[in-house]
Amino acid sequence: MSSANWVVDVHKLHKKYSLGWFGTKTFHALKGIDLCVKPGEVFGLLGPNGAGKTTLIKILLGIVRGSGGTAQVMGLPAGSRAARKLIGYLPENLSFPSHHTAISALQLFGRLSSVPESLIASRSRELLHMVGLAGRERELVRRYSKGMRQRLGLAQALLHDPQLLVMDEPTDGLDPVGRSEIRNLITQLKQRGKTVFLNSHILQEVELVCDRVAILAGGQVRGVGTPSELTSQFQTQGTTKIRMELIGDFQSISHSIAQVADPFESLQLPTGNWQVSFAAGSQQQLDQLIDQLRQKNVSICKLDRTQLSLEEVFLTAVQS
């Protein structure tokens, strides 16, 4: 795809912040990152605190400028007036004046964003119905739960019918029901052809809704791909989890496994069998272990290979 066809196209993007009274020190928040987001996908951005996630979002929104490289939204320079019109933004802690209702809050935010009055009027009720606030649109916002306020925030982000929706920690602080509702709304947006750029530290949520994920750490992209592609990428680094149930002498078992995995976990089951768990570096090592166990008259009752979760992939990526 050409750069004009990507919804987000970031190339060798740098951002340095000056520190101290005289700006003699600098902090390198982004170190030449490359990132592309396809039309119509839900893209997740993961990273520990200080990874550069917020800086990247601010550059895409035009709040700050990069120090080098390029960032484009729909083929337009990030931060330009034309690009900003194509983006809807749901910040992490969007607050509404407590005296407003959902209807008046949308009117306020629509006017601040220069949305025509006719468009505000025509889309408000449609959006409030879509986010599940129909029937409560004239209730004071101060009576809303956090989940309801988050849904109202999503409605304001969609008021001008943007092509790209940027969501910063959309499920943070919500109960399981609230998180499920937000996930369902994201799925609906994707079905309507919207592109969603999602920043979250709740890895399980990202794994459930995102088509692709980027892991950012230390201002660098450590991996990009679908959750399964990231698992395959980091599983080659000796992180395939193996669990076996064995019958035989434990000294023979431990001696064999220690040659391919150290440390390993062991547990004697009520049946007298031994359950061992470890990380195998390669299929060849696992094959050698099985041969050794059989040579020592150890029977293999069960063998399970467990893929890494996205959380384990994330921890492996940021520590690499």
Protein backbone atom coordinates (compact mmCIF):
# COMPACT_ATOMS: atom_id res chain seq x y z
CA MET A 1 0.00 0.00 0.00
CA SER A 2 1.18 3.52 -0.74
CA SER A 3 1.41 6.00 2.12
CA ALA A 4 -1.76 7.73 0.90
CA ASN A 5 -3.74 4.52 1.48
CA TRP A 6 -2.66 4.01 5.10
CA VAL A 7 -4.88 5.59 7.74
CA VAL A 8 -1.81 6.17 9.93
CA ASP A 9 1.68 6.17 8.42
CA VAL A 10 4.61 6.89 10.74
CA HIS A 11 8.15 6.73 9.34
CA LYS A 12 11.38 7.16 11.33
CA LEU A 13 9.55 9.38 13.79
CA HIS A 14 11.63 11.02 16.53
CA LYS A 15 10.61 13.19 19.44
CA LYS A 16 13.00 14.84 21.87
CA TYR A 17 11.93 16.92 24.87
CA SER A 18 14.17 19.57 26.40
CA LEU A 19 14.56 19.25 30.16
CA GLY A 20 15.74 21.61 32.89
CA TRP A 21 15.66 25.39 33.17
CA PHE A 22 17.97 25.98 30.22
CA GLY A 23 17.07 22.96 28.12
CA THR A 24 20.57 21.55 28.40
CA LYS A 25 19.25 18.01 28.86
CA THR A 26 16.97 16.11 26.53
CA PHE A 27 14.66 13.12 26.80
CA HIS A 28 14.32 10.99 23.67
CA ALA A 29 10.68 9.87 23.84
CA LEU A 30 10.49 8.37 20.32
CA LYS A 31 13.55 6.94 18.61
CA GLY A 32 12.81 6.66 14.91
CA ILE A 33 9.71 4.47 14.99
CA ASP A 34 7.90 3.03 11.94
CA LEU A 35 4.20 2.23 12.19
CA CYS A 36 1.29 1.81 9.75
CA VAL A 37 -2.43 1.31 10.40
CA LYS A 38 -4.67 -0.20 7.74
CA PRO A 39 -8.13 1.14 6.85
CA GLY A 40 -10.94 -0.50 8.81
CA GLU A 41 -8.80 -2.28 11.39
CA VAL A 42 -8.70 -2.06 15.17
CA PHE A 43 -5.06 -1.34 16.01
CA GLY A 44 -3.75 -1.66 19.56
CA LEU A 45 -0.81 0.21 21.05
CA LEU A 46 0.84 -1.40 24.08
CA GLY A 47 3.74 -0.27 26.21
CA PRO A 48 4.85 0.35 29.79
CA ASN A 49 4.79 3.80 31.38
CA GLY A 50 7.28 6.07 29.63
CA ALA A 51 7.30 3.98 26.46
CA GLY A 52 6.27 6.90 24.24
CA LYS A 53 2.61 5.95 23.65
CA THR A 54 1.19 9.30 24.79
CA THR A 55 3.78 11.20 22.77
CA LEU A 56 2.84 9.29 19.62
CA ILE A 57 -0.86 9.99 20.14
CA LYS A 58 -0.17 13.70 20.74
CA ILE A 59 1.78 13.88 17.49
CA LEU A 60 -1.03 12.20 15.55
CA LEU A 61 -3.52 14.66 17.08
CA GLY A 62 -1.31 17.67 16.42
CA ILE A 63 -0.84 18.52 20.11
CA VAL A 64 2.95 18.27 19.80
CA ARG A 65 5.30 18.12 16.82
CA GLY A 66 7.86 15.46 16.08
CA SER A 67 11.58 16.27 16.11
CA GLY A 68 12.30 14.24 12.99
CA GLY A 69 10.76 11.78 10.57
CA THR A 70 7.19 11.91 9.30
CA ALA A 71 3.70 11.18 10.57
CA GLN A 72 0.65 11.18 8.30
CA VAL A 73 -3.08 10.61 8.77
CA MET A 74 -4.98 9.60 5.62
CA GLY A 75 -2.06 10.87 3.55
CA LEU A 76 -2.12 14.29 5.26
CA PRO A 77 0.53 15.69 7.62
CA ALA A 78 -0.37 14.77 11.20
CA GLY A 79 -1.52 17.86 13.09
CA SER A 80 -2.69 19.71 10.01
CA ARG A 81 -6.18 21.17 10.10
CA ALA A 82 -7.33 18.81 7.36
CA ALA A 83 -5.98 15.76 9.21
CA ARG A 84 -7.54 16.78 12.55
CA LYS A 85 -10.97 16.93 10.92
CA LEU A 86 -10.68 13.22 10.10
CA ILE A 87 -9.95 12.15 13.71
CA GLY A 88 -12.29 11.55 16.63
CA TYR A 89 -10.59 11.45 20.03
CA LEU A 90 -11.68 9.81 23.27
CA PRO A 91 -9.20 10.83 26.00
CA GLU A 92 -8.57 8.72 29.07
CA ASN A 93 -10.40 10.96 31.53
CA LEU A 94 -12.84 13.10 29.60
CA SER A 95 -14.84 15.28 31.99
CA PHE A 96 -18.20 16.88 31.31
CA PRO A 97 -19.59 19.94 33.13
CA SER A 98 -21.93 18.42 35.73
CA HIS A 99 -24.88 20.67 34.85
CA HIS A 100 -25.06 19.29 31.31
CA THR A 101 -27.23 16.52 29.97
CA ALA A 102 -26.02 14.18 27.24
CA ILE A 103 -27.79 16.28 24.59
CA SER A 104 -26.40 19.60 25.80
CA ALA A 105 -22.92 18.11 26.29
CA LEU A 106 -22.86 16.99 22.66
CA GLN A 107 -24.01 20.46 21.62
CA LEU A 108 -21.15 21.99 23.62
CA PHE A 109 -18.43 19.72 22.24
CA GLY A 110 -19.85 19.95 18.74
CA ARG A 111 -19.68 23.74 18.80
CA LEU A 112 -16.14 23.67 20.21
CA SER A 113 -15.18 21.47 17.24
CA SER A 114 -16.99 23.74 14.74
CA VAL A 115 -19.51 21.04 13.86
CA PRO A 116 -22.54 22.63 12.13
CA GLU A 117 -25.64 22.91 14.32
CA SER A 118 -27.68 20.93 11.81
CA LEU A 119 -25.20 18.03 11.99
CA ILE A 120 -25.16 18.11 15.80
CA ALA A 121 -28.95 17.92 15.88
CA SER A 122 -29.20 15.13 13.30
CA ARG A 123 -26.46 12.90 14.75
CA SER A 124 -26.89 13.36 18.52
CA ARG A 125 -29.87 11.05 19.01
CA GLU A 126 -28.50 8.48 16.57
CA LEU A 127 -25.17 8.34 18.40
CA LEU A 128 -26.73 8.25 21.89
CA HIS A 129 -28.84 5.31 20.74
CA MET A 130 -25.76 3.57 19.32
CA VAL A 131 -23.77 3.93 22.57
CA GLY A 132 -26.69 2.77 24.71
CA LEU A 133 -27.82 6.07 26.24
CA ALA A 134 -31.20 6.30 24.54
CA GLY A 135 -33.85 7.28 27.07
CA ARG A 136 -31.30 8.94 29.35
CA GLU A 137 -30.20 11.69 27.00
CA ARG A 138 -31.82 14.43 29.14
CA GLU A 139 -30.50 13.13 32.45
CA LEU A 140 -27.76 15.17 34.14
CA VAL A 141 -24.29 13.86 33.39
CA ARG A 142 -23.32 14.03 37.08
CA ARG A 143 -25.72 11.12 37.69
CA TYR A 144 -23.98 8.96 35.10
CA SER A 145 -21.74 6.05 36.06
CA LYS A 146 -18.18 6.03 34.72
CA GLY A 147 -19.22 3.57 32.03
CA MET A 148 -22.05 5.86 30.91
CA ARG A 149 -19.70 8.86 30.81
CA GLN A 150 -17.27 6.80 28.75
CA ARG A 151 -20.05 5.97 26.29
CA LEU A 152 -21.00 9.63 26.11
CA GLY A 153 -17.33 10.44 25.44
CA LEU A 154 -17.40 7.99 22.56
CA ALA A 155 -20.51 9.71 21.18
CA GLN A 156 -18.79 13.11 21.20
CA ALA A 157 -15.75 11.63 19.46
CA LEU A 158 -18.00 10.33 16.66
CA LEU A 159 -20.13 13.46 16.31
CA HIS A 160 -18.38 14.73 13.17
CA ASP A 161 -18.29 11.23 11.61
CA PRO A 162 -14.49 10.82 11.63
CA GLN A 163 -12.68 8.14 9.63
CA LEU A 164 -10.19 7.46 12.45
CA LEU A 165 -11.08 7.09 16.12
CA VAL A 166 -8.24 7.41 18.65
CA MET A 167 -9.12 5.93 22.05
CA ASP A 168 -6.87 6.38 25.08
CA GLU A 169 -7.46 3.75 27.80
CA PRO A 170 -11.16 3.36 26.89
CA THR A 171 -11.90 0.62 29.47
CA ASP A 172 -9.73 1.84 32.34
CA GLY A 173 -11.63 1.81 35.64
CA LEU A 174 -14.71 0.11 34.20
CA ASP A 175 -16.32 -3.01 35.66
CA PRO A 176 -16.57 -6.18 33.51
CA VAL A 177 -19.99 -5.16 32.18
CA GLY A 178 -18.71 -1.71 31.20
CA ARG A 179 -15.64 -3.19 29.49
CA SER A 180 -17.82 -5.60 27.55
CA GLU A 181 -20.06 -2.74 26.38
CA ILE A 182 -17.07 -0.72 25.13
CA ARG A 183 -15.70 -3.79 23.31
CA ASN A 184 -19.05 -4.28 21.61
CA LEU A 185 -19.09 -0.63 20.54
CA ILE A 186 -15.59 -0.95 19.06
CA THR A 187 -16.76 -4.00 17.10
CA GLN A 188 -19.75 -2.03 15.80
CA LEU A 189 -17.47 0.80 14.69
CA LYS A 190 -15.27 -1.63 12.78
CA GLN A 191 -18.36 -3.11 11.09
CA ARG A 192 -19.26 0.43 9.99
CA GLY A 193 -15.88 0.80 8.32
CA LYS A 194 -14.20 2.97 10.97
CA THR A 195 -10.53 2.61 11.87
CA VAL A 196 -9.80 2.47 15.59
CA PHE A 197 -6.40 3.29 17.12
CA LEU A 198 -6.52 1.98 20.67
CA ASN A 199 -4.06 2.70 23.48
CA SER A 200 -4.49 0.51 26.56
CA HIS A 201 -2.52 -1.15 29.34
CA ILE A 202 -5.22 -3.84 29.81
CA LEU A 203 -3.70 -6.52 27.62
CA GLN A 204 -6.67 -8.89 27.78
CA GLU A 205 -8.90 -6.17 26.30
CA VAL A 206 -6.45 -5.51 23.48
CA GLU A 207 -6.21 -9.22 22.70
CA LEU A 208 -10.01 -9.49 22.47
CA VAL A 209 -10.71 -6.57 20.12
CA CYS A 210 -7.56 -5.72 18.13
CA ASP A 211 -6.70 -7.01 14.66
CA ARG A 212 -3.06 -5.99 15.05
CA VAL A 213 -0.92 -4.77 17.93
CA ALA A 214 2.28 -2.75 18.27
CA ILE A 215 4.46 -3.07 21.36
CA LEU A 216 6.33 0.13 22.20
CA ALA A 217 9.11 0.26 24.81
CA GLY A 218 11.87 2.77 25.40
CA GLY A 219 10.68 4.86 22.46
CA GLN A 220 11.12 1.95 20.04
CA VAL A 221 8.73 -0.49 18.37
CA ARG A 222 9.61 -3.98 19.65
CA GLY A 223 7.03 -5.85 17.57
CA VAL A 224 4.01 -5.37 15.29
CA GLY A 225 1.46 -7.91 14.12
CA THR A 226 -1.59 -9.90 15.01
CA PRO A 227 -1.54 -11.42 18.53
CA SER A 228 -0.73 -14.82 16.99
CA GLU A 229 2.08 -13.35 14.85
CA LEU A 230 3.61 -11.68 17.90
CA THR A 231 3.33 -14.95 19.79
CA SER A 232 5.19 -16.77 17.01
CA GLN A 233 7.83 -14.03 16.86
CA PHE A 234 8.68 -14.17 20.55
CA GLN A 235 8.03 -17.87 20.98
CA THR A 236 11.21 -18.53 18.98
CA GLN A 237 13.17 -17.02 21.88
CA GLY A 238 12.82 -20.13 24.09
CA THR A 239 9.42 -19.28 25.48
CA THR A 240 7.29 -22.23 24.32
CA LYS A 241 5.65 -23.59 27.47
CA ILE A 242 5.57 -27.36 27.85
CA ARG A 243 3.67 -29.38 30.46
CA MET A 244 4.18 -33.14 30.76
CA GLU A 245 2.73 -35.86 32.96
CA LEU A 246 5.29 -38.61 33.51
CA ILE A 247 5.59 -42.02 35.21
CA GLY A 248 9.02 -43.01 36.45
CA ASP A 249 11.91 -42.30 38.78
CA PHE A 250 11.97 -38.59 39.64
CA GLN A 251 15.77 -38.43 39.71
CA SER A 252 15.87 -39.67 36.11
CA ILE A 253 13.11 -37.22 35.15
CA SER A 254 14.77 -34.19 36.75
CA HIS A 255 18.19 -35.03 35.35
CA SER A 256 16.82 -35.26 31.80
CA ILE A 257 14.75 -32.09 31.95
CA ALA A 258 17.52 -30.05 33.57
CA GLN A 259 19.59 -30.55 30.41
CA VAL A 260 17.06 -28.60 28.31
CA ALA A 261 15.23 -26.42 30.84
CA ASP A 262 16.52 -24.87 34.03
CA PRO A 263 14.61 -24.01 36.09
CA PHE A 264 11.53 -26.19 35.76
CA GLU A 265 8.52 -26.79 37.99
CA SER A 266 7.50 -30.21 39.28
CA LEU A 267 4.48 -31.53 41.16
CA GLN A 268 3.63 -35.08 42.28
CA LEU A 269 0.00 -35.82 41.50
CA PRO A 270 -2.32 -37.91 43.75
CA THR A 271 -1.88 -40.78 41.26
CA GLY A 272 1.86 -40.79 41.94
CA ASN A 273 2.65 -39.45 38.48
CA TRP A 274 4.89 -36.42 38.08
CA GLN A 275 3.75 -33.20 36.40
CA VAL A 276 6.56 -31.01 35.10
CA SER A 277 6.38 -27.61 33.42
CA PHE A 278 9.14 -25.74 31.62
CA ALA A 279 10.01 -23.51 28.67
CA ALA A 280 11.51 -25.32 25.69
CA GLY A 281 13.87 -23.54 23.37
CA SER A 282 13.16 -25.52 20.20
CA GLN A 283 11.40 -28.56 18.80
CA GLN A 284 14.78 -30.28 18.48
CA GLN A 285 15.42 -29.90 22.22
CA LEU A 286 11.97 -31.32 22.99
CA ASP A 287 12.58 -34.29 20.71
CA GLN A 288 15.91 -34.97 22.45
CA LEU A 289 14.23 -34.79 25.86
CA ILE A 290 11.56 -37.31 24.83
CA ASP A 291 14.26 -39.69 23.59
CA GLN A 292 16.19 -39.40 26.87
CA LEU A 293 13.09 -40.01 28.97
CA ARG A 294 12.24 -43.15 27.02
CA GLN A 295 15.81 -44.41 27.33
CA LYS A 296 15.44 -44.11 31.12
CA ASN A 297 12.14 -46.01 31.10
CA VAL A 298 10.07 -42.94 31.86
CA SER A 299 6.56 -43.11 30.41
CA ILE A 300 4.94 -39.98 28.95
CA CYS A 301 1.21 -39.89 29.78
CA LYS A 302 0.47 -36.36 28.56
CA LEU A 303 2.28 -33.59 26.73
CA ASP A 304 0.72 -30.13 26.29
CA ARG A 305 2.24 -27.24 24.43
CA THR A 306 0.86 -23.87 25.55
CA GLN A 307 1.13 -20.69 23.48
CA LEU A 308 2.17 -17.50 25.17
CA SER A 309 -0.57 -15.10 26.17
CA LEU A 310 -0.34 -11.53 24.89
CA GLU A 311 0.72 -10.51 28.40
CA GLU A 312 3.66 -12.92 28.28
CA VAL A 313 4.56 -11.72 24.78
CA PHE A 314 4.43 -8.13 26.04
CA LEU A 315 6.73 -8.86 29.00
CA THR A 316 9.17 -10.70 26.75
CA ALA A 317 9.18 -7.86 24.20
CA VAL A 318 9.75 -5.01 26.65
CA GLN A 319 12.54 -6.89 28.43
CA SER A 320 14.38 -7.83 25.23
